[in-house]
């Protein structure tokens, strides 16, 4: 025969202190015995250790800046920072990656444009130095030098 003691939690009629027959107490994970009680913080997430996910504001700002010439450098920096933050948080990083790629392409195009502009200005100034002041037509191209 079995001993039917009133304190046996396996008995069908047993009531635990929370009032649920035969079930463990509800309310989430229990603290280990002897540990200090943890303060409740509204909005904290147990799965992320209480830290909130990174904001997309930096990724959006970097993406927008990546289209504007020399500002693409700032956009590239913002996109790299947000790419790394999203990676650590395990969140999608597509917007940051697109911003990085666009920033690099725009920076390369801007640098090539500046080099072409400087080279053209140098050729024009050299041509005007050779021709002297006035309006000159050379090979169908009109130069106005002052």
C-alpha atoms as a PDB file:
ATOM      1  CA  UNK A   1       0.000   0.000   0.000  1.00  0.00           C
ATOM      2  CA  UNK A   2       0.994   3.557  -0.527  1.00  0.00           C
ATOM      3  CA  UNK A   3       1.206   6.149   2.135  1.00  0.00           C
ATOM      4  CA  UNK A   4      -1.346   8.922   1.443  1.00  0.00           C
ATOM      5  CA  UNK A   5       0.116  11.864   3.241  1.00  0.00           C
ATOM      6  CA  UNK A   6      -1.674  15.207   2.813  1.00  0.00           C
ATOM      7  CA  UNK A   7       1.575  16.983   1.800  1.00  0.00           C
ATOM      8  CA  UNK A   8       2.327  14.718  -1.194  1.00  0.00           C
ATOM      9  CA  UNK A   9       2.201  16.970  -4.315  1.00  0.00           C
ATOM     10  CA  UNK A  10       1.620  13.968  -6.584  1.00  0.00           C
ATOM     11  CA  UNK A  11      -1.788  13.232  -5.071  1.00  0.00           C
ATOM     12  CA  UNK A  12      -4.735  14.329  -7.254  1.00  0.00           C
ATOM     13  CA  UNK A  13      -6.416  16.377  -4.550  1.00  0.00           C
ATOM     14  CA  UNK A  14      -3.265  18.228  -3.435  1.00  0.00           C
ATOM     15  CA  UNK A  15      -3.431  22.054  -3.541  1.00  0.00           C
ATOM     16  CA  UNK A  16      -0.184  23.970  -3.895  1.00  0.00           C
ATOM     17  CA  UNK A  17       0.134  27.454  -2.383  1.00  0.00           C
ATOM     18  CA  UNK A  18      -0.930  29.121  -5.685  1.00  0.00           C
ATOM     19  CA  UNK A  19      -4.221  27.217  -5.681  1.00  0.00           C
ATOM     20  CA  UNK A  20      -3.527  25.071  -8.766  1.00  0.00           C
ATOM     21  CA  UNK A  21      -3.889  21.333  -8.094  1.00  0.00           C
ATOM     22  CA  UNK A  22      -0.708  19.425  -8.954  1.00  0.00           C
ATOM     23  CA  UNK A  23       0.869  22.142 -11.151  1.00  0.00           C
ATOM     24  CA  UNK A  24       4.001  24.210 -10.548  1.00  0.00           C
ATOM     25  CA  UNK A  25       3.486  27.886  -9.706  1.00  0.00           C
ATOM     26  CA  UNK A  26       2.942  30.219 -12.673  1.00  0.00           C
ATOM     27  CA  UNK A  27       4.731  33.499 -13.363  1.00  0.00           C
ATOM     28  CA  UNK A  28       7.882  32.775 -15.377  1.00  0.00           C
ATOM     29  CA  UNK A  29      11.334  31.641 -14.377  1.00  0.00           C
ATOM     30  CA  UNK A  30      12.039  31.295 -10.682  1.00  0.00           C
ATOM     31  CA  UNK A  31      15.087  32.765  -9.026  1.00  0.00           C
ATOM     32  CA  UNK A  32      17.645  30.312  -7.674  1.00  0.00           C
ATOM     33  CA  UNK A  33      17.567  29.854  -3.919  1.00  0.00           C
ATOM     34  CA  UNK A  34      19.582  32.486  -2.104  1.00  0.00           C
ATOM     35  CA  UNK A  35      19.844  34.947  -5.006  1.00  0.00           C
ATOM     36  CA  UNK A  36      18.914  38.581  -4.636  1.00  0.00           C
ATOM     37  CA  UNK A  37      15.528  39.522  -6.058  1.00  0.00           C
ATOM     38  CA  UNK A  38      15.690  41.292  -9.416  1.00  0.00           C
ATOM     39  CA  UNK A  39      13.893  44.594  -9.906  1.00  0.00           C
ATOM     40  CA  UNK A  40      11.135  44.572 -12.512  1.00  0.00           C
ATOM     41  CA  UNK A  41      11.763  46.929 -15.413  1.00  0.00           C
ATOM     42  CA  UNK A  42       8.719  47.615 -17.581  1.00  0.00           C
ATOM     43  CA  UNK A  43       9.390  46.914 -21.250  1.00  0.00           C
ATOM     44  CA  UNK A  44      12.454  44.779 -20.637  1.00  0.00           C
ATOM     45  CA  UNK A  45      12.768  41.652 -22.709  1.00  0.00           C
ATOM     46  CA  UNK A  46      14.120  38.527 -21.042  1.00  0.00           C
ATOM     47  CA  UNK A  47      15.400  37.036 -24.310  1.00  0.00           C
ATOM     48  CA  UNK A  48      17.674  39.989 -25.150  1.00  0.00           C
ATOM     49  CA  UNK A  49      18.978  40.528 -21.649  1.00  0.00           C
ATOM     50  CA  UNK A  50      17.065  43.787 -21.238  1.00  0.00           C
ATOM     51  CA  UNK A  51      18.707  45.638 -24.127  1.00  0.00           C
ATOM     52  CA  UNK A  52      16.481  47.070 -26.818  1.00  0.00           C
ATOM     53  CA  UNK A  53      17.154  46.391 -30.505  1.00  0.00           C
ATOM     54  CA  UNK A  54      19.097  49.054 -32.425  1.00  0.00           C
ATOM     55  CA  UNK A  55      17.122  51.794 -34.122  1.00  0.00           C
ATOM     56  CA  UNK A  56      16.892  51.991 -37.912  1.00  0.00           C
ATOM     57  CA  UNK A  57      17.368  55.770 -37.845  1.00  0.00           C
ATOM     58  CA  UNK A  58      21.110  55.580 -38.414  1.00  0.00           C
ATOM     59  CA  UNK A  59      20.673  53.123 -41.299  1.00  0.00           C
ATOM     60  CA  UNK A  60      18.041  55.352 -42.932  1.00  0.00           C
ATOM     61  CA  UNK A  61      20.188  58.487 -42.537  1.00  0.00           C
ATOM     62  CA  UNK A  62      23.217  56.672 -43.960  1.00  0.00           C
ATOM     63  CA  UNK A  63      21.185  55.329 -46.869  1.00  0.00           C
ATOM     64  CA  UNK A  64      19.849  58.794 -47.761  1.00  0.00           C
ATOM     65  CA  UNK A  65      23.289  60.433 -47.458  1.00  0.00           C
ATOM     66  CA  UNK A  66      24.848  57.765 -49.654  1.00  0.00           C
ATOM     67  CA  UNK A  67      23.305  59.388 -52.753  1.00  0.00           C
ATOM     68  CA  UNK A  68      24.915  62.829 -52.325  1.00  0.00           C
ATOM     69  CA  UNK A  69      28.500  63.061 -53.613  1.00  0.00           C
ATOM     70  CA  UNK A  70      30.943  63.811 -50.823  1.00  0.00           C
ATOM     71  CA  UNK A  71      28.232  63.298 -48.183  1.00  0.00           C
ATOM     72  CA  UNK A  72      28.370  59.653 -49.231  1.00  0.00           C
ATOM     73  CA  UNK A  73      31.470  59.372 -47.030  1.00  0.00           C
ATOM     74  CA  UNK A  74      29.355  60.229 -43.967  1.00  0.00           C
ATOM     75  CA  UNK A  75      26.666  57.860 -45.257  1.00  0.00           C
ATOM     76  CA  UNK A  76      29.237  55.089 -45.612  1.00  0.00           C
ATOM     77  CA  UNK A  77      30.377  55.530 -42.007  1.00  0.00           C
ATOM     78  CA  UNK A  78      26.794  55.530 -40.681  1.00  0.00           C
ATOM     79  CA  UNK A  79      25.917  52.464 -42.752  1.00  0.00           C
ATOM     80  CA  UNK A  80      28.946  50.524 -41.527  1.00  0.00           C
ATOM     81  CA  UNK A  81      28.109  51.325 -37.891  1.00  0.00           C
ATOM     82  CA  UNK A  82      24.458  50.323 -38.314  1.00  0.00           C
ATOM     83  CA  UNK A  83      25.465  47.176 -40.250  1.00  0.00           C
ATOM     84  CA  UNK A  84      27.610  46.024 -37.332  1.00  0.00           C
ATOM     85  CA  UNK A  85      24.957  46.905 -34.717  1.00  0.00           C
ATOM     86  CA  UNK A  86      22.239  45.012 -36.576  1.00  0.00           C
ATOM     87  CA  UNK A  87      24.582  42.056 -36.963  1.00  0.00           C
ATOM     88  CA  UNK A  88      25.242  41.891 -33.225  1.00  0.00           C
ATOM     89  CA  UNK A  89      21.510  42.144 -32.492  1.00  0.00           C
ATOM     90  CA  UNK A  90      20.671  39.447 -35.039  1.00  0.00           C
ATOM     91  CA  UNK A  91      18.414  41.774 -37.033  1.00  0.00           C
ATOM     92  CA  UNK A  92      18.165  42.133 -40.831  1.00  0.00           C
ATOM     93  CA  UNK A  93      20.893  44.365 -42.247  1.00  0.00           C
ATOM     94  CA  UNK A  94      19.722  44.812 -45.841  1.00  0.00           C
ATOM     95  CA  UNK A  95      19.201  48.571 -45.694  1.00  0.00           C
ATOM     96  CA  UNK A  96      22.672  49.094 -44.241  1.00  0.00           C
ATOM     97  CA  UNK A  97      24.266  46.807 -46.830  1.00  0.00           C
ATOM     98  CA  UNK A  98      22.494  48.625 -49.675  1.00  0.00           C
ATOM     99  CA  UNK A  99      23.679  51.949 -48.230  1.00  0.00           C
ATOM    100  CA  UNK A 100      27.266  50.691 -48.046  1.00  0.00           C
ATOM    101  CA  UNK A 101      27.221  49.549 -51.684  1.00  0.00           C
ATOM    102  CA  UNK A 102      25.588  52.749 -52.950  1.00  0.00           C
ATOM    103  CA  UNK A 103      27.995  54.899 -50.904  1.00  0.00           C
ATOM    104  CA  UNK A 104      31.036  53.146 -52.365  1.00  0.00           C
ATOM    105  CA  UNK A 105      29.724  53.485 -55.937  1.00  0.00           C
ATOM    106  CA  UNK A 106      28.843  57.181 -55.463  1.00  0.00           C
ATOM    107  CA  UNK A 107      32.227  57.921 -53.850  1.00  0.00           C
ATOM    108  CA  UNK A 108      34.042  56.272 -56.774  1.00  0.00           C
ATOM    109  CA  UNK A 109      31.955  58.197 -59.336  1.00  0.00           C
ATOM    110  CA  UNK A 110      32.502  61.459 -57.421  1.00  0.00           C
ATOM    111  CA  UNK A 111      36.274  60.958 -57.249  1.00  0.00           C
ATOM    112  CA  UNK A 112      36.416  60.137 -60.989  1.00  0.00           C
ATOM    113  CA  UNK A 113      34.326  63.251 -61.717  1.00  0.00           C
ATOM    114  CA  UNK A 114      36.642  65.452 -59.663  1.00  0.00           C
ATOM    115  CA  UNK A 115      39.703  64.031 -61.444  1.00  0.00           C
ATOM    116  CA  UNK A 116      38.102  64.636 -64.872  1.00  0.00           C
ATOM    117  CA  UNK A 117      37.104  68.181 -63.865  1.00  0.00           C
ATOM    118  CA  UNK A 118      40.623  69.013 -62.654  1.00  0.00           C
ATOM    119  CA  UNK A 119      42.194  67.506 -65.779  1.00  0.00           C
ATOM    120  CA  UNK A 120      39.818  69.473 -68.050  1.00  0.00           C
ATOM    121  CA  UNK A 121      40.492  72.722 -66.223  1.00  0.00           C
ATOM    122  CA  UNK A 122      44.232  72.128 -66.453  1.00  0.00           C
ATOM    123  CA  UNK A 123      44.035  71.513 -70.227  1.00  0.00           C
ATOM    124  CA  UNK A 124      41.859  74.610 -70.699  1.00  0.00           C
ATOM    125  CA  UNK A 125      44.216  76.822 -68.676  1.00  0.00           C
ATOM    126  CA  UNK A 126      47.210  75.485 -70.590  1.00  0.00           C
ATOM    127  CA  UNK A 127      45.471  76.125 -73.934  1.00  0.00           C
ATOM    128  CA  UNK A 128      44.628  79.696 -72.898  1.00  0.00           C
ATOM    129  CA  UNK A 129      48.204  80.234 -71.764  1.00  0.00           C
ATOM    130  CA  UNK A 130      49.444  79.163 -75.216  1.00  0.00           C
ATOM    131  CA  UNK A 131      46.875  81.200 -77.196  1.00  0.00           C
ATOM    132  CA  UNK A 132      46.833  84.403 -75.159  1.00  0.00           C
ATOM    133  CA  UNK A 133      43.854  86.616 -74.297  1.00  0.00           C
ATOM    134  CA  UNK A 134      40.843  86.845 -76.637  1.00  0.00           C
ATOM    135  CA  UNK A 135      38.511  84.470 -78.458  1.00  0.00           C
ATOM    136  CA  UNK A 136      40.151  81.667 -80.451  1.00  0.00           C
ATOM    137  CA  UNK A 137      38.773  78.810 -82.569  1.00  0.00           C
ATOM    138  CA  UNK A 138      40.968  75.696 -82.590  1.00  0.00           C
ATOM    139  CA  UNK A 139      39.772  72.538 -84.422  1.00  0.00           C
ATOM    140  CA  UNK A 140      36.150  73.736 -84.229  1.00  0.00           C
ATOM    141  CA  UNK A 141      36.314  74.471 -80.499  1.00  0.00           C
ATOM    142  CA  UNK A 142      35.910  78.068 -79.340  1.00  0.00           C
ATOM    143  CA  UNK A 143      38.109  79.189 -76.464  1.00  0.00           C
ATOM    144  CA  UNK A 144      37.513  82.480 -74.694  1.00  0.00           C
ATOM    145  CA  UNK A 145      40.551  83.422 -72.685  1.00  0.00           C
ATOM    146  CA  UNK A 146      40.887  86.486 -70.549  1.00  0.00           C
END
